[in-house]
Amino acid sequence: MGNKVRVGAIQAEPVWLDLQGGVRKVVSLIEQAAKDGINVLGFPEVFIPGYPWSITTEPAIANTEFVAEYQANSLSRESAEMDKIRASVKKAGIFVVLGYSERARGSLYMAQSFIDPSGVIVLHRRKIKPTYTERAVWGEGQADSLTNVIQTPHFGRIGALNCWEHFQPLLRYNEYCQGVDIHVASWPLFWDRPENLPGSYNSQASPNRLTGQFMAMEGSCFVLVATQILTEENRERTKLTNVPFVKTPGGGFAMIFGPDGKPLVPAFDPGHQGILAADIDLGDIDYARQVLDVVGHYSRPDLLSLNVNKEPAKHVHYV
């Protein structure tokens, strides 16, 4: 291919439970990315209005009002707020994968909208299986969310997944079959925990970053890991005041990986806010796939294959 692209992965704190403030911060980050010459920008999971960790650290009954406020400050896909974001993308002339909590009537979904340089949402998807306690807040994406790669005129084929979707091997393989070149891995915030605190190893920052590195190697694609952080002043706002593994400022683990899994930039400190940026050459993908192409020469579809349902279910069938 030989196409040069400047990519960016955001590591930043959301404006917690504040839709209008979240829109302003998204716009400011898009403007900063444009100044930095970035062509493709990846946002963290549910950056608007932030990831509500208290759904895991507190009982559901104690979060009733919190979740109601969260729902009120989630972003509708077709709204004046989204129009502001799309206008900022058009002005910047870049490609953005935006992660947000999508409000659709009475339900919420963990959404990613792919917005092209003209400000048009060219692809929209929802997390197909919210993880663990997330299922008490967000609904599941339907079959149309399995289409998660879009061909762009100048930046190759761009794909995206949310958080623990990266632990689903069939979902990853489905994306590789769509020919992804640049993958946006949208994550919330995670911390590494001391050994004396309970919790599984794979629910920490370091192993979650490794999923992006492995996906880069397995799929021979560039991976942008975008994450959130938390500052001390927002502990109370997020109901995390007395949670021992939460370190502030912290929670970030953003990174950019090449198609052979190599980290392309130094990592930020876990509490640093900014945009990781790297200049990449899509032609490097060819070198990686010469050796490893899991949907081509390094596959055996006669022995192992994947069945994918691309038809979303309907609530009502009219006859």
C-alpha atoms as a PDB file:
ATOM      1  CA  MET A   1       0.000   0.000   0.000  1.00  0.00           C
ATOM      2  CA  GLY A   2       2.639   2.510   1.044  1.00  0.00           C
ATOM      3  CA  ASN A   3       0.142   5.012   2.491  1.00  0.00           C
ATOM      4  CA  LYS A   4       1.457   7.282   5.249  1.00  0.00           C
ATOM      5  CA  VAL A   5      -1.079   8.024   8.008  1.00  0.00           C
ATOM      6  CA  ARG A   6      -0.737   9.863  11.317  1.00  0.00           C
ATOM      7  CA  VAL A   7      -2.803   8.124  13.991  1.00  0.00           C
ATOM      8  CA  GLY A   8      -3.773   9.175  17.502  1.00  0.00           C
ATOM      9  CA  ALA A   9      -5.002   7.365  20.626  1.00  0.00           C
ATOM     10  CA  ILE A  10      -6.596   9.428  23.376  1.00  0.00           C
ATOM     11  CA  GLN A  11      -5.782   9.010  27.066  1.00  0.00           C
ATOM     12  CA  ALA A  12      -7.894  11.528  28.932  1.00  0.00           C
ATOM     13  CA  GLU A  13     -10.408  12.080  31.696  1.00  0.00           C
ATOM     14  CA  PRO A  14     -14.081  12.342  30.722  1.00  0.00           C
ATOM     15  CA  VAL A  15     -16.293  15.134  31.994  1.00  0.00           C
ATOM     16  CA  TRP A  16     -18.109  12.842  34.368  1.00  0.00           C
ATOM     17  CA  LEU A  17     -21.906  12.609  34.051  1.00  0.00           C
ATOM     18  CA  ASP A  18     -22.066  15.866  32.077  1.00  0.00           C
ATOM     19  CA  LEU A  19     -23.287  15.548  28.497  1.00  0.00           C
ATOM     20  CA  GLN A  20     -22.650  19.157  27.502  1.00  0.00           C
ATOM     21  CA  GLY A  21     -19.245  19.222  29.183  1.00  0.00           C
ATOM     22  CA  GLY A  22     -18.395  15.911  27.521  1.00  0.00           C
ATOM     23  CA  VAL A  23     -19.252  17.297  24.100  1.00  0.00           C
ATOM     24  CA  ARG A  24     -17.030  20.327  24.714  1.00  0.00           C
ATOM     25  CA  LYS A  25     -14.119  18.091  25.741  1.00  0.00           C
ATOM     26  CA  VAL A  26     -14.566  15.829  22.715  1.00  0.00           C
ATOM     27  CA  VAL A  27     -14.545  18.886  20.454  1.00  0.00           C
ATOM     28  CA  SER A  28     -11.395  20.238  22.140  1.00  0.00           C
ATOM     29  CA  LEU A  29      -9.595  16.905  21.684  1.00  0.00           C
ATOM     30  CA  ILE A  30     -10.597  16.774  18.019  1.00  0.00           C
ATOM     31  CA  GLU A  31      -9.275  20.319  17.575  1.00  0.00           C
ATOM     32  CA  GLN A  32      -6.009  19.357  19.302  1.00  0.00           C
ATOM     33  CA  ALA A  33      -5.653  16.279  17.102  1.00  0.00           C
ATOM     34  CA  ALA A  34      -6.073  18.424  13.991  1.00  0.00           C
ATOM     35  CA  LYS A  35      -3.339  20.793  15.221  1.00  0.00           C
ATOM     36  CA  ASP A  36      -1.098  17.756  15.757  1.00  0.00           C
ATOM     37  CA  GLY A  37      -1.659  16.649  12.162  1.00  0.00           C
ATOM     38  CA  ILE A  38      -3.516  13.481  13.142  1.00  0.00           C
ATOM     39  CA  ASN A  39      -5.562  11.774  10.410  1.00  0.00           C
ATOM     40  CA  VAL A  40      -7.253   8.981  12.402  1.00  0.00           C
ATOM     41  CA  LEU A  41      -8.250   9.504  16.052  1.00  0.00           C
ATOM     42  CA  GLY A  42      -9.546   6.898  18.502  1.00  0.00           C
ATOM     43  CA  PHE A  43     -11.586   7.691  21.622  1.00  0.00           C
ATOM     44  CA  PRO A  44     -12.008   5.527  24.738  1.00  0.00           C
ATOM     45  CA  GLU A  45     -15.098   3.456  25.493  1.00  0.00           C
ATOM     46  CA  VAL A  46     -18.117   5.504  26.706  1.00  0.00           C
ATOM     47  CA  PHE A  47     -16.007   8.670  26.889  1.00  0.00           C
ATOM     48  CA  ILE A  48     -19.328  10.479  27.122  1.00  0.00           C
ATOM     49  CA  PRO A  49     -20.277  10.590  29.964  1.00  0.00           C
ATOM     50  CA  GLY A  50     -17.416   8.459  31.368  1.00  0.00           C
ATOM     51  CA  TYR A  51     -17.185   4.857  32.553  1.00  0.00           C
ATOM     52  CA  PRO A  52     -19.207   4.313  35.770  1.00  0.00           C
ATOM     53  CA  TRP A  53     -16.926   2.054  37.793  1.00  0.00           C
ATOM     54  CA  SER A  54     -19.289   2.207  40.776  1.00  0.00           C
ATOM     55  CA  ILE A  55     -21.602  -0.285  39.032  1.00  0.00           C
ATOM     56  CA  THR A  56     -18.959  -2.862  39.988  1.00  0.00           C
ATOM     57  CA  THR A  57     -17.851  -1.485  43.357  1.00  0.00           C
ATOM     58  CA  GLU A  58     -21.328  -0.812  44.822  1.00  0.00           C
ATOM     59  CA  PRO A  59     -24.623  -2.731  44.923  1.00  0.00           C
ATOM     60  CA  ALA A  60     -27.184  -1.934  42.228  1.00  0.00           C
ATOM     61  CA  ILE A  61     -29.675  -0.505  44.729  1.00  0.00           C
ATOM     62  CA  ALA A  62     -27.099   2.058  45.894  1.00  0.00           C
ATOM     63  CA  ASN A  63     -26.557   3.195  42.296  1.00  0.00           C
ATOM     64  CA  THR A  64     -30.172   3.819  41.327  1.00  0.00           C
ATOM     65  CA  GLU A  65     -29.934   7.616  41.285  1.00  0.00           C
ATOM     66  CA  PHE A  66     -26.403   7.524  39.889  1.00  0.00           C
ATOM     67  CA  VAL A  67     -27.480   5.403  36.917  1.00  0.00           C
ATOM     68  CA  ALA A  68     -30.510   7.631  36.321  1.00  0.00           C
ATOM     69  CA  GLU A  69     -28.182  10.631  36.139  1.00  0.00           C
ATOM     70  CA  TYR A  70     -25.868   8.638  33.876  1.00  0.00           C
ATOM     71  CA  GLN A  71     -28.728   7.868  31.507  1.00  0.00           C
ATOM     72  CA  ALA A  72     -29.817  11.508  31.404  1.00  0.00           C
ATOM     73  CA  ASN A  73     -26.290  12.514  30.371  1.00  0.00           C
ATOM     74  CA  SER A  74     -25.751   9.840  27.715  1.00  0.00           C
ATOM     75  CA  LEU A  75     -25.535  10.881  24.067  1.00  0.00           C
ATOM     76  CA  SER A  76     -28.186  10.227  21.439  1.00  0.00           C
ATOM     77  CA  ARG A  77     -26.842   9.320  18.017  1.00  0.00           C
ATOM     78  CA  GLU A  78     -29.189  11.782  16.335  1.00  0.00           C
ATOM     79  CA  SER A  79     -29.083  14.935  18.454  1.00  0.00           C
ATOM     80  CA  ALA A  80     -27.894  18.522  18.578  1.00  0.00           C
ATOM     81  CA  GLU A  81     -24.948  17.342  20.688  1.00  0.00           C
ATOM     82  CA  MET A  82     -23.869  14.819  18.079  1.00  0.00           C
ATOM     83  CA  ASP A  83     -24.289  17.482  15.403  1.00  0.00           C
ATOM     84  CA  LYS A  84     -21.744  19.642  17.251  1.00  0.00           C
ATOM     85  CA  ILE A  85     -19.281  16.763  17.348  1.00  0.00           C
ATOM     86  CA  ARG A  86     -19.786  15.949  13.673  1.00  0.00           C
ATOM     87  CA  ALA A  87     -19.293  19.616  12.760  1.00  0.00           C
ATOM     88  CA  SER A  88     -16.002  19.674  14.681  1.00  0.00           C
ATOM     89  CA  VAL A  89     -14.821  16.546  12.854  1.00  0.00           C
ATOM     90  CA  LYS A  90     -15.678  18.134   9.513  1.00  0.00           C
ATOM     91  CA  LYS A  91     -13.816  21.324  10.436  1.00  0.00           C
ATOM     92  CA  ALA A  92     -10.794  19.288  11.545  1.00  0.00           C
ATOM     93  CA  GLY A  93     -10.905  17.135   8.404  1.00  0.00           C
ATOM     94  CA  ILE A  94      -9.965  13.941  10.238  1.00  0.00           C
ATOM     95  CA  PHE A  95     -11.466  10.473  10.784  1.00  0.00           C
ATOM     96  CA  VAL A  96     -12.774   9.818  14.298  1.00  0.00           C
ATOM     97  CA  VAL A  97     -13.991   6.716  16.106  1.00  0.00           C
ATOM     98  CA  LEU A  98     -16.063   8.087  18.988  1.00  0.00           C
ATOM     99  CA  GLY A  99     -16.887   5.927  22.005  1.00  0.00           C
ATOM    100  CA  TYR A 100     -19.953   6.949  24.023  1.00  0.00           C
ATOM    101  CA  SER A 101     -22.916   5.725  26.019  1.00  0.00           C
ATOM    102  CA  GLU A 102     -25.684   5.894  23.441  1.00  0.00           C
ATOM    103  CA  ARG A 103     -29.185   6.743  24.593  1.00  0.00           C
ATOM    104  CA  ALA A 104     -31.858   5.215  22.365  1.00  0.00           C
ATOM    105  CA  ARG A 105     -35.304   5.912  23.800  1.00  0.00           C
ATOM    106  CA  GLY A 106     -35.362   4.105  27.167  1.00  0.00           C
ATOM    107  CA  SER A 107     -32.196   2.077  26.642  1.00  0.00           C
ATOM    108  CA  LEU A 108     -28.445   2.618  26.719  1.00  0.00           C
ATOM    109  CA  TYR A 109     -25.806   0.986  24.515  1.00  0.00           C
ATOM    110  CA  MET A 110     -21.998   1.077  24.540  1.00  0.00           C
ATOM    111  CA  ALA A 111     -21.595   2.630  21.105  1.00  0.00           C
ATOM    112  CA  GLN A 112     -18.885   3.533  18.621  1.00  0.00           C
ATOM    113  CA  SER A 113     -19.615   5.930  15.773  1.00  0.00           C
ATOM    114  CA  PHE A 114     -17.186   6.157  12.866  1.00  0.00           C
ATOM    115  CA  ILE A 115     -17.214   9.778  11.650  1.00  0.00           C
ATOM    116  CA  ASP A 116     -15.451  10.549   8.385  1.00  0.00           C
ATOM    117  CA  PRO A 117     -13.660  13.842   7.507  1.00  0.00           C
ATOM    118  CA  SER A 118     -16.873  15.230   5.993  1.00  0.00           C
ATOM    119  CA  GLY A 119     -18.613  14.880   9.363  1.00  0.00           C
ATOM    120  CA  VAL A 120     -20.799  11.938   8.334  1.00  0.00           C
ATOM    121  CA  ILE A 121     -21.339   8.881  10.550  1.00  0.00           C
ATOM    122  CA  VAL A 122     -20.329   6.229   8.027  1.00  0.00           C
ATOM    123  CA  LEU A 123     -20.582   3.277  10.433  1.00  0.00           C
ATOM    124  CA  HIS A 124     -22.208   2.787  13.807  1.00  0.00           C
ATOM    125  CA  ARG A 125     -21.972  -0.186  16.136  1.00  0.00           C
ATOM    126  CA  ARG A 126     -22.820  -1.254  19.671  1.00  0.00           C
ATOM    127  CA  LYS A 127     -20.937  -3.565  22.015  1.00  0.00           C
ATOM    128  CA  ILE A 128     -22.464  -6.956  21.350  1.00  0.00           C
ATOM    129  CA  LYS A 129     -22.077  -8.277  24.908  1.00  0.00           C
ATOM    130  CA  PRO A 130     -21.660  -5.855  27.819  1.00  0.00           C
ATOM    131  CA  THR A 131     -19.353  -7.347  30.429  1.00  0.00           C
ATOM    132  CA  TYR A 132     -20.377  -8.586  33.880  1.00  0.00           C
ATOM    133  CA  THR A 133     -22.154  -5.776  35.808  1.00  0.00           C
ATOM    134  CA  GLU A 134     -22.364  -3.678  32.618  1.00  0.00           C
ATOM    135  CA  ARG A 135     -25.349  -5.835  31.681  1.00  0.00           C
ATOM    136  CA  ALA A 136     -27.396  -4.062  34.369  1.00  0.00           C
ATOM    137  CA  VAL A 137     -26.895  -0.710  32.580  1.00  0.00           C
ATOM    138  CA  TRP A 138     -26.441  -1.275  28.832  1.00  0.00           C
ATOM    139  CA  GLY A 139     -28.248  -3.381  26.241  1.00  0.00           C
ATOM    140  CA  GLU A 140     -26.617  -5.680  23.693  1.00  0.00           C
ATOM    141  CA  GLY A 141     -25.744  -4.755  20.137  1.00  0.00           C
ATOM    142  CA  GLN A 142     -27.508  -6.641  17.361  1.00  0.00           C
ATOM    143  CA  ALA A 143     -26.110  -8.444  14.314  1.00  0.00           C
ATOM    144  CA  ASP A 144     -25.551  -5.203  12.404  1.00  0.00           C
ATOM    145  CA  SER A 145     -22.831  -4.359  14.954  1.00  0.00           C
ATOM    146  CA  LEU A 146     -20.763  -7.251  13.597  1.00  0.00           C
ATOM    147  CA  THR A 147     -19.971  -5.012  10.622  1.00  0.00           C
ATOM    148  CA  ASN A 148     -17.213  -3.054  12.314  1.00  0.00           C
ATOM    149  CA  VAL A 149     -14.739  -2.190   9.544  1.00  0.00           C
ATOM    150  CA  ILE A 150     -15.118   0.609   6.993  1.00  0.00           C
ATOM    151  CA  GLN A 151     -13.084   1.292   3.864  1.00  0.00           C
ATOM    152  CA  THR A 152     -11.810   4.871   3.741  1.00  0.00           C
ATOM    153  CA  PRO A 153     -10.458   6.703   0.678  1.00  0.00           C
ATOM    154  CA  HIS A 154      -7.080   7.574   2.184  1.00  0.00           C
ATOM    155  CA  PHE A 155      -6.554   5.799   5.535  1.00  0.00           C
ATOM    156  CA  GLY A 156      -7.110   2.145   4.689  1.00  0.00           C
ATOM    157  CA  ARG A 157      -9.739   0.012   6.381  1.00  0.00           C
ATOM    158  CA  ILE A 158     -10.598   1.179   9.898  1.00  0.00           C
ATOM    159  CA  GLY A 159     -12.193  -1.068  12.521  1.00  0.00           C
ATOM    160  CA  ALA A 160     -13.060  -0.880  16.206  1.00  0.00           C
ATOM    161  CA  LEU A 161     -14.151  -2.872  19.233  1.00  0.00           C
ATOM    162  CA  ASN A 162     -14.983  -1.978  22.829  1.00  0.00           C
ATOM    163  CA  CYS A 163     -13.079  -3.160  25.908  1.00  0.00           C
ATOM    164  CA  TRP A 164     -13.542  -6.892  26.617  1.00  0.00           C
ATOM    165  CA  GLU A 165     -14.804  -7.527  23.102  1.00  0.00           C
ATOM    166  CA  HIS A 166     -11.065  -7.984  22.546  1.00  0.00           C
ATOM    167  CA  PHE A 167     -11.247 -11.187  24.591  1.00  0.00           C
ATOM    168  CA  GLN A 168     -13.757 -12.742  22.162  1.00  0.00           C
ATOM    169  CA  PRO A 169     -11.739 -14.729  19.587  1.00  0.00           C
ATOM    170  CA  LEU A 170     -14.633 -15.191  17.137  1.00  0.00           C
ATOM    171  CA  LEU A 171     -15.331 -11.452  17.185  1.00  0.00           C
ATOM    172  CA  ARG A 172     -11.686 -10.686  16.465  1.00  0.00           C
ATOM    173  CA  TYR A 173     -11.660 -13.204  13.622  1.00  0.00           C
ATOM    174  CA  ASN A 174     -14.819 -11.680  12.185  1.00  0.00           C
ATOM    175  CA  GLU A 175     -12.983  -8.345  12.057  1.00  0.00           C
ATOM    176  CA  TYR A 176      -9.899  -9.817  10.420  1.00  0.00           C
ATOM    177  CA  CYS A 177     -12.171 -11.254   7.721  1.00  0.00           C
ATOM    178  CA  GLN A 178     -13.267  -7.680   6.962  1.00  0.00           C
ATOM    179  CA  GLY A 179      -9.650  -6.758   6.190  1.00  0.00           C
ATOM    180  CA  VAL A 180      -8.904  -4.289   9.001  1.00  0.00           C
ATOM    181  CA  ASP A 181      -5.753  -2.141   8.651  1.00  0.00           C
ATOM    182  CA  ILE A 182      -6.141   0.262  11.598  1.00  0.00           C
ATOM    183  CA  HIS A 183      -8.025  -0.944  14.655  1.00  0.00           C
ATOM    184  CA  VAL A 184      -9.309   1.354  17.419  1.00  0.00           C
ATOM    185  CA  ALA A 185      -9.383  -0.465  20.749  1.00  0.00           C
ATOM    186  CA  SER A 186     -11.661   1.631  22.955  1.00  0.00           C
ATOM    187  CA  TRP A 187     -11.236   1.026  26.695  1.00  0.00           C
ATOM    188  CA  PRO A 188     -12.408   2.654  29.915  1.00  0.00           C
ATOM    189  CA  LEU A 189      -9.935   3.068  32.800  1.00  0.00           C
ATOM    190  CA  PHE A 190      -8.236   0.209  34.655  1.00  0.00           C
ATOM    191  CA  TRP A 191      -5.605  -0.031  37.352  1.00  0.00           C
ATOM    192  CA  ASP A 192      -2.979  -2.629  38.218  1.00  0.00           C
ATOM    193  CA  ARG A 193      -3.747  -3.991  41.684  1.00  0.00           C
ATOM    194  CA  PRO A 194      -1.466  -4.966  44.565  1.00  0.00           C
ATOM    195  CA  GLU A 195      -1.327  -8.730  45.155  1.00  0.00           C
ATOM    196  CA  ASN A 196      -3.084  -8.391  48.504  1.00  0.00           C
ATOM    197  CA  LEU A 197      -6.268  -7.048  46.884  1.00  0.00           C
ATOM    198  CA  PRO A 198      -8.855  -9.449  45.375  1.00  0.00           C
ATOM    199  CA  GLY A 199      -9.613  -9.365  41.671  1.00  0.00           C
ATOM    200  CA  SER A 200      -8.674 -11.314  38.563  1.00  0.00           C
ATOM    201  CA  TYR A 201      -5.434 -10.490  36.774  1.00  0.00           C
ATOM    202  CA  ASN A 202      -7.197  -9.932  33.458  1.00  0.00           C
ATOM    203  CA  SER A 203      -9.246  -7.107  35.015  1.00  0.00           C
ATOM    204  CA  GLN A 204      -6.200  -4.870  35.282  1.00  0.00           C
ATOM    205  CA  ALA A 205      -4.504  -2.297  33.079  1.00  0.00           C
ATOM    206  CA  SER A 206      -1.398  -4.217  31.983  1.00  0.00           C
ATOM    207  CA  PRO A 207      -3.130  -7.383  30.694  1.00  0.00           C
ATOM    208  CA  ASN A 208      -5.841  -5.346  28.993  1.00  0.00           C
ATOM    209  CA  ARG A 209      -3.177  -3.432  27.078  1.00  0.00           C
ATOM    210  CA  LEU A 210      -1.725  -6.794  26.046  1.00  0.00           C
ATOM    211  CA  THR A 211      -4.952  -7.645  24.210  1.00  0.00           C
ATOM    212  CA  GLY A 212      -4.210  -4.767  21.827  1.00  0.00           C
ATOM    213  CA  GLN A 213      -0.667  -5.993  21.289  1.00  0.00           C
ATOM    214  CA  PHE A 214      -1.858  -9.527  20.620  1.00  0.00           C
ATOM    215  CA  MET A 215      -4.563  -8.315  18.226  1.00  0.00           C
ATOM    216  CA  ALA A 216      -1.954  -6.339  16.297  1.00  0.00           C
ATOM    217  CA  MET A 217       0.133  -9.502  15.896  1.00  0.00           C
ATOM    218  CA  GLU A 218      -2.758 -11.885  15.247  1.00  0.00           C
ATOM    219  CA  GLY A 219      -4.524  -9.594  12.768  1.00  0.00           C
ATOM    220  CA  SER A 220      -1.392  -7.993  11.280  1.00  0.00           C
ATOM    221  CA  CYS A 221      -2.905  -4.560  11.782  1.00  0.00           C
ATOM    222  CA  PHE A 222      -2.120  -1.311  13.552  1.00  0.00           C
ATOM    223  CA  VAL A 223      -3.896  -0.999  16.915  1.00  0.00           C
ATOM    224  CA  LEU A 224      -4.721   2.235  18.746  1.00  0.00           C
ATOM    225  CA  VAL A 225      -5.486   1.605  22.424  1.00  0.00           C
ATOM    226  CA  ALA A 226      -7.503   4.565  23.779  1.00  0.00           C
ATOM    227  CA  THR A 227      -8.284   4.835  27.500  1.00  0.00           C
ATOM    228  CA  GLN A 228      -9.751   7.053  30.203  1.00  0.00           C
ATOM    229  CA  ILE A 229      -8.143   8.324  33.401  1.00  0.00           C
ATOM    230  CA  LEU A 230      -9.423   9.576  36.771  1.00  0.00           C
ATOM    231  CA  THR A 231      -8.090  12.526  38.788  1.00  0.00           C
ATOM    232  CA  GLU A 232      -8.308  12.902  42.567  1.00  0.00           C
ATOM    233  CA  GLU A 233     -10.822  15.747  42.362  1.00  0.00           C
ATOM    234  CA  ASN A 234     -13.360  13.444  40.685  1.00  0.00           C
ATOM    235  CA  ARG A 235     -13.183  10.480  43.070  1.00  0.00           C
ATOM    236  CA  GLU A 236     -16.303  11.589  44.909  1.00  0.00           C
ATOM    237  CA  ARG A 237     -18.171  12.414  41.701  1.00  0.00           C
ATOM    238  CA  THR A 238     -17.568   8.878  40.451  1.00  0.00           C
ATOM    239  CA  LYS A 239     -18.346   7.273  43.859  1.00  0.00           C
ATOM    240  CA  LEU A 240     -14.833   5.797  44.098  1.00  0.00           C
ATOM    241  CA  THR A 241     -13.637   7.571  47.248  1.00  0.00           C
ATOM    242  CA  ASN A 242     -13.064   4.424  49.309  1.00  0.00           C
ATOM    243  CA  VAL A 243     -11.998   1.960  46.618  1.00  0.00           C
ATOM    244  CA  PRO A 244      -8.432   0.867  47.491  1.00  0.00           C
ATOM    245  CA  PHE A 245      -7.217  -0.168  44.019  1.00  0.00           C
ATOM    246  CA  VAL A 246      -8.196   3.175  42.446  1.00  0.00           C
ATOM    247  CA  LYS A 247      -5.044   5.289  42.165  1.00  0.00           C
ATOM    248  CA  THR A 248      -5.362   8.954  41.219  1.00  0.00           C
ATOM    249  CA  PRO A 249      -4.369  10.359  38.913  1.00  0.00           C
ATOM    250  CA  GLY A 250      -4.399   7.078  37.033  1.00  0.00           C
ATOM    251  CA  GLY A 251      -6.295   4.466  35.093  1.00  0.00           C
ATOM    252  CA  GLY A 252      -4.723   5.106  31.680  1.00  0.00           C
ATOM    253  CA  PHE A 253      -2.852   2.550  29.571  1.00  0.00           C
ATOM    254  CA  ALA A 254      -3.009   3.953  26.027  1.00  0.00           C
ATOM    255  CA  MET A 255      -0.639   2.635  23.359  1.00  0.00           C
ATOM    256  CA  ILE A 256      -0.133   2.312  19.608  1.00  0.00           C
ATOM    257  CA  PHE A 257       1.078  -1.016  18.212  1.00  0.00           C
ATOM    258  CA  GLY A 258       2.461  -1.892  14.800  1.00  0.00           C
ATOM    259  CA  PRO A 259       1.240  -4.882  12.730  1.00  0.00           C
ATOM    260  CA  ASP A 260       4.001  -7.052  14.204  1.00  0.00           C
ATOM    261  CA  GLY A 261       2.974  -6.098  17.767  1.00  0.00           C
ATOM    262  CA  LYS A 262       5.783  -3.611  18.336  1.00  0.00           C
ATOM    263  CA  PRO A 263       4.924  -0.592  20.544  1.00  0.00           C
ATOM    264  CA  LEU A 264       5.394   2.472  18.332  1.00  0.00           C
ATOM    265  CA  VAL A 265       5.468   5.180  21.020  1.00  0.00           C
ATOM    266  CA  PRO A 266       6.511   5.519  24.663  1.00  0.00           C
ATOM    267  CA  ALA A 267       3.549   5.050  26.986  1.00  0.00           C
ATOM    268  CA  PHE A 268       2.103   7.948  28.946  1.00  0.00           C
ATOM    269  CA  ASP A 269       2.146   7.870  32.717  1.00  0.00           C
ATOM    270  CA  PRO A 270      -1.204   6.289  33.825  1.00  0.00           C
ATOM    271  CA  GLY A 271      -2.411   9.679  35.080  1.00  0.00           C
ATOM    272  CA  HIS A 272      -1.287  11.787  32.114  1.00  0.00           C
ATOM    273  CA  GLN A 273      -3.828  13.315  29.749  1.00  0.00           C
ATOM    274  CA  GLY A 274      -2.983  13.672  26.078  1.00  0.00           C
ATOM    275  CA  ILE A 275      -3.055  12.135  22.614  1.00  0.00           C
ATOM    276  CA  LEU A 276      -0.491   9.487  21.738  1.00  0.00           C
ATOM    277  CA  ALA A 277       0.495  10.007  18.107  1.00  0.00           C
ATOM    278  CA  ALA A 278       2.466   7.950  15.604  1.00  0.00           C
ATOM    279  CA  ASP A 279       3.263   8.206  11.903  1.00  0.00           C
ATOM    280  CA  ILE A 280       2.556   4.851  10.286  1.00  0.00           C
ATOM    281  CA  ASP A 281       2.932   3.340   6.833  1.00  0.00           C
ATOM    282  CA  LEU A 282       0.096   1.017   5.858  1.00  0.00           C
ATOM    283  CA  GLY A 283       2.565  -0.724   3.567  1.00  0.00           C
ATOM    284  CA  ASP A 284       4.144  -2.279   6.664  1.00  0.00           C
ATOM    285  CA  ILE A 285       1.083  -4.509   6.925  1.00  0.00           C
ATOM    286  CA  ASP A 286       2.230  -6.405   3.836  1.00  0.00           C
ATOM    287  CA  TYR A 287       5.458  -7.422   5.577  1.00  0.00           C
ATOM    288  CA  ALA A 288       3.530  -8.780   8.550  1.00  0.00           C
ATOM    289  CA  ARG A 289       0.997 -10.663   6.420  1.00  0.00           C
ATOM    290  CA  GLN A 290       3.711 -12.282   4.316  1.00  0.00           C
ATOM    291  CA  VAL A 291       4.396 -14.364   7.408  1.00  0.00           C
ATOM    292  CA  LEU A 292       1.020 -14.431   9.158  1.00  0.00           C
ATOM    293  CA  ASP A 293      -2.355 -14.014   7.460  1.00  0.00           C
ATOM    294  CA  VAL A 294      -4.950 -15.778   9.589  1.00  0.00           C
ATOM    295  CA  VAL A 295      -7.716 -15.299   7.020  1.00  0.00           C
ATOM    296  CA  GLY A 296      -5.501 -16.207   4.057  1.00  0.00           C
ATOM    297  CA  HIS A 297      -2.480 -18.446   3.613  1.00  0.00           C
ATOM    298  CA  TYR A 298      -2.283 -19.281   7.342  1.00  0.00           C
ATOM    299  CA  SER A 299      -5.828 -20.647   7.592  1.00  0.00           C
ATOM    300  CA  ARG A 300      -7.688 -23.884   6.869  1.00  0.00           C
ATOM    301  CA  PRO A 301     -11.313 -22.958   6.105  1.00  0.00           C
ATOM    302  CA  ASP A 302     -11.928 -26.523   4.940  1.00  0.00           C
ATOM    303  CA  LEU A 303     -11.339 -27.599   8.554  1.00  0.00           C
ATOM    304  CA  LEU A 304     -12.199 -24.542  10.659  1.00  0.00           C
ATOM    305  CA  SER A 305     -14.595 -21.735   9.733  1.00  0.00           C
ATOM    306  CA  LEU A 306     -16.827 -19.098  11.344  1.00  0.00           C
ATOM    307  CA  ASN A 307     -20.574 -18.659  10.851  1.00  0.00           C
ATOM    308  CA  VAL A 308     -21.757 -15.038  11.132  1.00  0.00           C
ATOM    309  CA  ASN A 309     -25.368 -13.832  11.291  1.00  0.00           C
ATOM    310  CA  LYS A 310     -25.525 -10.327   9.802  1.00  0.00           C
ATOM    311  CA  GLU A 311     -29.308  -9.865  10.064  1.00  0.00           C
ATOM    312  CA  PRO A 312     -30.382  -7.920  13.168  1.00  0.00           C
ATOM    313  CA  ALA A 313     -33.372  -9.299  15.052  1.00  0.00           C
ATOM    314  CA  LYS A 314     -36.612  -7.328  14.959  1.00  0.00           C
ATOM    315  CA  HIS A 315     -38.963  -6.601  17.834  1.00  0.00           C
ATOM    316  CA  VAL A 316     -41.992  -6.661  15.550  1.00  0.00           C
ATOM    317  CA  HIS A 317     -42.733  -8.657  12.398  1.00  0.00           C
ATOM    318  CA  TYR A 318     -45.505  -7.139  10.278  1.00  0.00           C
ATOM    319  CA  VAL A 319     -47.576  -9.470   8.127  1.00  0.00           C
END
